[in-house]
C-alpha atoms as a PDB file:
ATOM      1  CA  MET A   1       4.139  -7.171   2.068  1.00  0.00           C
ATOM      2  CA  LEU A   2       2.798 -10.640   0.698  1.00  0.00           C
ATOM      3  CA  VAL A   3      -0.286 -10.559   1.978  1.00  0.00           C
ATOM      4  CA  TYR A   4      -0.983  -6.984   1.234  1.00  0.00           C
ATOM      5  CA  SER A   5      -0.659  -8.055  -2.214  1.00  0.00           C
ATOM      6  CA  SER A   6      -4.086  -8.928  -2.008  1.00  0.00           C
ATOM      7  CA  VAL A   7      -5.047  -5.182  -1.977  1.00  0.00           C
ATOM      8  CA  PRO A   8      -5.576  -4.434  -5.293  1.00  0.00           C
ATOM      9  CA  LEU A   9      -8.334  -7.904  -5.028  1.00  0.00           C
ATOM     10  CA  ILE A  10     -10.217  -6.389  -1.994  1.00  0.00           C
ATOM     11  CA  THR A  11     -10.019  -2.841  -3.437  1.00  0.00           C
ATOM     12  CA  ALA A  12     -11.548  -3.915  -6.392  1.00  0.00           C
ATOM     13  CA  ILE A  13     -14.310  -5.950  -4.941  1.00  0.00           C
ATOM     14  CA  LEU A  14     -15.189  -2.518  -2.532  1.00  0.00           C
ATOM     15  CA  GLY A  15     -15.577  -0.233  -5.738  1.00  0.00           C
ATOM     16  CA  ARG A  16     -17.852  -2.184  -7.169  1.00  0.00           C
ATOM     17  CA  VAL A  17     -20.121  -2.241  -3.936  1.00  0.00           C
ATOM     18  CA  PHE A  18     -19.307   1.085  -3.169  1.00  0.00           C
ATOM     19  CA  LEU A  19     -18.359   3.150  -6.342  1.00  0.00           C
ATOM     20  CA  GLY A  20     -20.303   0.353  -9.228  1.00  0.00           C
ATOM     21  CA  GLU A  21     -16.957   0.305 -10.673  1.00  0.00           C
ATOM     22  CA  ARG A  22     -16.836  -2.170 -13.482  1.00  0.00           C
ATOM     23  CA  LEU A  23     -13.366  -3.226 -14.474  1.00  0.00           C
ATOM     24  CA  THR A  24     -12.916  -4.904 -17.864  1.00  0.00           C
ATOM     25  CA  VAL A  25     -11.942  -8.828 -19.006  1.00  0.00           C
ATOM     26  CA  LEU A  26      -8.175  -6.744 -19.542  1.00  0.00           C
ATOM     27  CA  GLN A  27      -7.648  -5.164 -16.877  1.00  0.00           C
ATOM     28  CA  SER A  28      -8.958  -7.892 -14.442  1.00  0.00           C
ATOM     29  CA  GLY A  29      -6.258 -10.349 -16.472  1.00  0.00           C
ATOM     30  CA  ALA A  30      -3.592  -7.474 -15.839  1.00  0.00           C
ATOM     31  CA  MET A  31      -4.248  -6.843 -11.976  1.00  0.00           C
ATOM     32  CA  ALA A  32      -4.034 -10.760 -11.909  1.00  0.00           C
ATOM     33  CA  VAL A  33      -0.878 -11.147 -13.685  1.00  0.00           C
ATOM     34  CA  THR A  34       0.881  -8.072 -11.607  1.00  0.00           C
ATOM     35  CA  VAL A  35      -0.222  -9.372  -8.457  1.00  0.00           C
ATOM     36  CA  ALA A  36       1.099 -12.116  -9.722  1.00  0.00           C
ATOM     37  CA  GLY A  37       4.675 -10.484 -10.555  1.00  0.00           C
ATOM     38  CA  ILE A  38       4.425  -8.960  -6.590  1.00  0.00           C
ATOM     39  CA  ILE A  39       4.210 -12.123  -5.110  1.00  0.00           C
ATOM     40  CA  ILE A  40       6.901 -13.685  -7.002  1.00  0.00           C
ATOM     41  CA  VAL A  41       8.926 -10.838  -5.722  1.00  0.00           C
ATOM     42  CA  THR A  42       7.499 -10.897  -2.263  1.00  0.00           C
ATOM     43  CA  THR A  43       8.036 -15.065  -1.711  1.00  0.00           C
ATOM     44  CA  SER A  44      11.176 -14.795  -3.289  1.00  0.00           C
ATOM     45  CA  ARG A  45      13.227 -14.701  -0.002  1.00  0.00           C
ATOM     46  CA  LYS A  46      13.051 -18.208   1.752  1.00  0.00           C
ATOM     47  CA  THR A  47      13.207 -16.380   5.501  1.00  0.00           C
ATOM     48  CA  ALA A  48      10.222 -14.212   4.669  1.00  0.00           C
ATOM     49  CA  LEU A  49       7.999 -17.760   3.545  1.00  0.00           C
ATOM     50  CA  GLU A  50       9.488 -18.895   6.859  1.00  0.00           C
ATOM     51  CA  ARG A  51       8.279 -16.566   8.792  1.00  0.00           C
ATOM     52  CA  VAL A  52       4.913 -15.818   7.012  1.00  0.00           C
ATOM     53  CA  GLN A  53       4.133 -19.555   7.806  1.00  0.00           C
ATOM     54  CA  ARG A  54       5.679 -19.299  11.773  1.00  0.00           C
ATOM     55  CA  ILE A  55       2.931 -16.161  12.572  1.00  0.00           C
ATOM     56  CA  GLY A  56      -0.156 -17.126  11.669  1.00  0.00           C
ATOM     57  CA  ARG A  57      -1.431 -14.506  14.153  1.00  0.00           C
ATOM     58  CA  GLY A  58       0.516 -11.320  12.429  1.00  0.00           C
ATOM     59  CA  VAL A  59      -0.662 -12.373   8.975  1.00  0.00           C
ATOM     60  CA  TRP A  60      -4.352 -12.113  10.072  1.00  0.00           C
ATOM     61  CA  PHE A  61      -3.551  -8.498  11.569  1.00  0.00           C
ATOM     62  CA  ALA A  62      -1.337  -7.855   7.885  1.00  0.00           C
ATOM     63  CA  PHE A  63      -5.009  -8.790   6.076  1.00  0.00           C
ATOM     64  CA  ILE A  64      -7.248  -6.688   8.556  1.00  0.00           C
ATOM     65  CA  GLY A  65      -4.329  -3.849   7.512  1.00  0.00           C
ATOM     66  CA  ALA A  66      -5.035  -4.608   3.980  1.00  0.00           C
ATOM     67  CA  VAL A  67      -8.209  -4.872   4.008  1.00  0.00           C
ATOM     68  CA  GLY A  68      -8.314  -1.257   6.040  1.00  0.00           C
ATOM     69  CA  GLN A  69      -5.676  -0.172   3.137  1.00  0.00           C
ATOM     70  CA  ALA A  70      -8.341  -1.145   0.608  1.00  0.00           C
ATOM     71  CA  LEU A  71     -11.278   1.033   2.429  1.00  0.00           C
ATOM     72  CA  GLY A  72      -9.350   3.580   3.007  1.00  0.00           C
ATOM     73  CA  LEU A  73      -8.842   3.651  -0.884  1.00  0.00           C
ATOM     74  CA  VAL A  74     -12.199   3.488  -1.490  1.00  0.00           C
ATOM     75  CA  LEU A  75     -13.851   5.304   0.771  1.00  0.00           C
ATOM     76  CA  GLY A  76     -11.793   8.495   0.423  1.00  0.00           C
ATOM     77  CA  ALA A  77     -12.796   8.332  -3.671  1.00  0.00           C
ATOM     78  CA  TYR A  78     -16.508   7.996  -2.858  1.00  0.00           C
ATOM     79  CA  GLY A  79     -16.479  10.842   0.122  1.00  0.00           C
ATOM     80  CA  ALA A  80     -14.067  12.887  -1.939  1.00  0.00           C
ATOM     81  CA  PRO A  81     -15.402  12.282  -5.955  1.00  0.00           C
ATOM     82  CA  ASP A  82     -13.991  15.693  -7.229  1.00  0.00           C
ATOM     83  CA  TYR A  83     -12.531  17.211  -4.115  1.00  0.00           C
ATOM     84  CA  ASP A  84      -9.066  18.385  -3.775  1.00  0.00           C
ATOM     85  CA  VAL A  85      -7.020  15.529  -3.047  1.00  0.00           C
ATOM     86  CA  PHE A  86      -4.900  17.124  -0.581  1.00  0.00           C
ATOM     87  CA  SER A  87      -7.428  18.521   1.351  1.00  0.00           C
ATOM     88  CA  ALA A  88      -9.067  15.245   1.549  1.00  0.00           C
ATOM     89  CA  THR A  89      -5.725  14.293   2.799  1.00  0.00           C
ATOM     90  CA  GLN A  90      -5.730  16.404   5.450  1.00  0.00           C
ATOM     91  CA  ILE A  91      -9.298  15.417   6.896  1.00  0.00           C
ATOM     92  CA  ARG A  92      -7.995  11.825   6.881  1.00  0.00           C
ATOM     93  CA  THR A  93      -4.794  12.816   8.722  1.00  0.00           C
ATOM     94  CA  ILE A  94      -6.966  14.690  11.405  1.00  0.00           C
ATOM     95  CA  ALA A  95      -9.160  12.167  11.780  1.00  0.00           C
ATOM     96  CA  GLY A  96      -5.927   9.571  12.053  1.00  0.00           C
ATOM     97  CA  ILE A  97      -4.277  11.997  14.360  1.00  0.00           C
ATOM     98  CA  ILE A  98      -7.381  11.436  16.640  1.00  0.00           C
ATOM     99  CA  GLY A  99      -7.649   7.829  16.121  1.00  0.00           C
ATOM    100  CA  PHE A 100      -3.837   7.479  17.220  1.00  0.00           C
ATOM    101  CA  LEU A 101      -4.432   9.871  20.435  1.00  0.00           C
ATOM    102  CA  VAL A 102      -7.377   7.551  21.823  1.00  0.00           C
ATOM    103  CA  VAL A 103      -5.386   4.077  20.938  1.00  0.00           C
ATOM    104  CA  ILE A 104      -2.461   6.253  22.657  1.00  0.00           C
ATOM    105  CA  SER A 105      -4.221   6.997  25.549  1.00  0.00           C
ATOM    106  CA  VAL A 106      -6.527   3.709  26.324  1.00  0.00           C
ATOM    107  CA  SER A 107      -3.042   1.672  25.709  1.00  0.00           C
ATOM    108  CA  LYS A 108      -0.985   4.260  28.041  1.00  0.00           C
ATOM    109  CA  ARG A 109       1.857   4.872  25.589  1.00  0.00           C
ATOM    110  CA  TRP A 110       2.353   8.809  26.040  1.00  0.00           C
ATOM    111  CA  PRO A 111       6.291   7.818  28.325  1.00  0.00           C
ATOM    112  CA  SER A 112       6.870   6.377  24.644  1.00  0.00           C
ATOM    113  CA  VAL A 113       5.741   9.381  22.468  1.00  0.00           C
ATOM    114  CA  ARG A 114       8.008  11.336  24.728  1.00  0.00           C
ATOM    115  CA  ASP A 115      11.030   8.985  24.017  1.00  0.00           C
ATOM    116  CA  ALA A 116      10.299   8.661  19.967  1.00  0.00           C
ATOM    117  CA  ILE A 117       9.924  12.636  20.063  1.00  0.00           C
ATOM    118  CA  LYS A 118      13.592  12.723  21.808  1.00  0.00           C
ATOM    119  CA  ASN A 119      15.483  10.422  19.402  1.00  0.00           C
ATOM    120  CA  ARG A 120      16.133  13.191  16.747  1.00  0.00           C
ATOM    121  CA  PRO A 121      17.710  11.029  14.419  1.00  0.00           C
ATOM    122  CA  ALA A 122      14.480   9.054  14.238  1.00  0.00           C
ATOM    123  CA  MET A 123      12.550  12.077  14.327  1.00  0.00           C
ATOM    124  CA  ARG A 124      13.958  13.319  11.425  1.00  0.00           C
ATOM    125  CA  HIS A 125      13.629   9.926   9.183  1.00  0.00           C
ATOM    126  CA  THR A 126      10.142   9.818  10.500  1.00  0.00           C
ATOM    127  CA  LEU A 127       9.575  13.666   9.102  1.00  0.00           C
ATOM    128  CA  ARG A 128      10.831  12.839   5.696  1.00  0.00           C
ATOM    129  CA  GLY A 129       8.975   9.443   5.379  1.00  0.00           C
ATOM    130  CA  SER A 130       5.914  11.475   6.513  1.00  0.00           C
ATOM    131  CA  PHE A 131       6.219  13.657   3.535  1.00  0.00           C
ATOM    132  CA  PHE A 132       6.545  11.118   0.758  1.00  0.00           C
ATOM    133  CA  GLY A 133       4.265   8.635   2.535  1.00  0.00           C
ATOM    134  CA  PRO A 134       1.139   9.673   4.320  1.00  0.00           C
ATOM    135  CA  PHE A 135       1.192  13.191   2.487  1.00  0.00           C
ATOM    136  CA  LEU A 136       2.263  12.423  -0.992  1.00  0.00           C
ATOM    137  CA  GLY A 137       1.791   9.040  -1.276  1.00  0.00           C
ATOM    138  CA  VAL A 138      -1.817   8.882   0.049  1.00  0.00           C
ATOM    139  CA  SER A 139      -2.779  11.763  -1.837  1.00  0.00           C
ATOM    140  CA  LEU A 140      -1.973  11.258  -4.943  1.00  0.00           C
ATOM    141  CA  GLY A 141      -3.419   7.837  -4.683  1.00  0.00           C
ATOM    142  CA  LEU A 142      -6.679   8.708  -3.786  1.00  0.00           C
ATOM    143  CA  PHE A 143      -5.841  11.240  -7.165  1.00  0.00           C
ATOM    144  CA  ALA A 144      -5.481   7.915  -9.130  1.00  0.00           C
ATOM    145  CA  ALA A 145      -8.612   6.609  -7.677  1.00  0.00           C
ATOM    146  CA  GLN A 146     -10.455   9.783  -8.585  1.00  0.00           C
ATOM    147  CA  HIS A 147      -9.170   9.203 -12.105  1.00  0.00           C
ATOM    148  CA  ALA A 148      -8.185   5.538 -13.032  1.00  0.00           C
ATOM    149  CA  GLY A 149     -10.307   3.946 -10.655  1.00  0.00           C
ATOM    150  CA  THR A 150      -9.906   2.185  -7.271  1.00  0.00           C
ATOM    151  CA  GLY A 151      -8.699  -1.108  -8.158  1.00  0.00           C
ATOM    152  CA  ILE A 152      -6.321  -0.080 -10.883  1.00  0.00           C
ATOM    153  CA  ALA A 153      -5.331   2.456  -8.349  1.00  0.00           C
ATOM    154  CA  ALA A 154      -4.328   0.284  -5.944  1.00  0.00           C
ATOM    155  CA  THR A 155      -2.321  -2.410  -8.282  1.00  0.00           C
ATOM    156  CA  ILE A 156      -0.186   0.297  -9.028  1.00  0.00           C
ATOM    157  CA  ILE A 157       0.210   1.512  -5.418  1.00  0.00           C
ATOM    158  CA  ALA A 158       1.097  -2.138  -4.665  1.00  0.00           C
ATOM    159  CA  THR A 159       4.158  -2.603  -7.032  1.00  0.00           C
ATOM    160  CA  VAL A 160       6.212  -1.053  -4.117  1.00  0.00           C
ATOM    161  CA  PRO A 161       8.269  -4.466  -3.134  1.00  0.00           C
ATOM    162  CA  ILE A 162       9.277  -3.691  -6.976  1.00  0.00           C
ATOM    163  CA  ILE A 163       9.663  -0.011  -6.831  1.00  0.00           C
ATOM    164  CA  LEU A 164      12.232  -1.117  -3.517  1.00  0.00           C
ATOM    165  CA  ILE A 165      14.463  -3.721  -5.772  1.00  0.00           C
ATOM    166  CA  PRO A 166      16.762  -1.237  -7.240  1.00  0.00           C
ATOM    167  CA  VAL A 167      16.912   0.661  -4.108  1.00  0.00           C
ATOM    168  CA  SER A 168      17.674  -2.138  -2.254  1.00  0.00           C
ATOM    169  CA  PHE A 169      20.309  -2.862  -4.964  1.00  0.00           C
ATOM    170  CA  PHE A 170      21.954   0.842  -5.401  1.00  0.00           C
ATOM    171  CA  LEU A 171      21.352   1.737  -1.875  1.00  0.00           C
ATOM    172  CA  PHE A 172      21.663  -0.763   0.797  1.00  0.00           C
ATOM    173  CA  ARG A 173      23.804  -3.406  -2.186  1.00  0.00           C
ATOM    174  CA  GLU A 174      21.660  -6.500  -1.715  1.00  0.00           C
ATOM    175  CA  LYS A 175      21.563  -9.278  -3.979  1.00  0.00           C
ATOM    176  CA  ILE A 176      18.780  -9.591  -6.435  1.00  0.00           C
ATOM    177  CA  SER A 177      17.905 -12.950  -7.413  1.00  0.00           C
ATOM    178  CA  ILE A 178      16.476 -13.839 -11.055  1.00  0.00           C
ATOM    179  CA  ARG A 179      13.177 -14.753  -9.400  1.00  0.00           C
ATOM    180  CA  GLU A 180      13.182 -11.563  -7.845  1.00  0.00           C
ATOM    181  CA  ILE A 181      13.887  -9.462 -11.312  1.00  0.00           C
ATOM    182  CA  ALA A 182      11.358 -12.066 -13.269  1.00  0.00           C
ATOM    183  CA  GLY A 183       8.352 -10.917 -10.684  1.00  0.00           C
ATOM    184  CA  SER A 184       9.284  -7.589 -11.522  1.00  0.00           C
ATOM    185  CA  VAL A 185       8.999  -7.797 -14.906  1.00  0.00           C
ATOM    186  CA  ILE A 186       6.037  -9.496 -15.317  1.00  0.00           C
ATOM    187  CA  ALA A 187       4.568  -7.149 -12.616  1.00  0.00           C
ATOM    188  CA  VAL A 188       5.012  -3.854 -14.411  1.00  0.00           C
ATOM    189  CA  SER A 189       4.019  -5.764 -17.377  1.00  0.00           C
ATOM    190  CA  GLY A 190       0.928  -6.298 -16.281  1.00  0.00           C
ATOM    191  CA  VAL A 191       0.880  -2.730 -14.881  1.00  0.00           C
ATOM    192  CA  ALA A 192       1.504  -1.262 -18.465  1.00  0.00           C
ATOM    193  CA  VAL A 193      -1.191  -3.283 -19.651  1.00  0.00           C
ATOM    194  CA  LEU A 194      -4.161  -1.825 -17.232  1.00  0.00           C
ATOM    195  CA  PHE A 195      -2.822   1.704 -19.618  1.00  0.00           C
ATOM    196  CA  PHE A 196      -5.080   0.006 -22.213  1.00  0.00           C
ATOM    197  CA  ARG A 197      -8.498   0.776 -21.357  1.00  0.00           C
END
């Protein structure tokens, strides 16, 4: 999540290149404040920082994933500026399935897929997650990109670690630090400023 904090910046740059989007000084400042809050929250636990320092290769793959996330949002908005977001997401999902079929076939992972399908509890949770993530989340993310701009949409989407704090507290009974609360307040303040365009 720390590396993914770079997604709004990458998205803003790609949005400028592909879509000609320009952010105001206020919007750029709000994005910076939001990302700073996200970084504060995601680096609040020492174990996470130690893990990042120890696994350099994973950080690079996370960065490539961040670029992919940004490209997906920008190219989705570029290819479907006024197109129905659910139809556009369906097209992206079909392309994703084809990509997975190729990767699974080349890496010969079909036995793992078969084992995963047999795991009914995992499949139930995966299906629920697929509804809220790839279907609803991605579709509404594209809707936000069409109407608010890709950089702003990516900044708001990047607040996932902040949204997960109440879930961690109430559902998993995890302790929340003052630093996490402060980072959340900063991030939410930045997002609030984004609405004053």
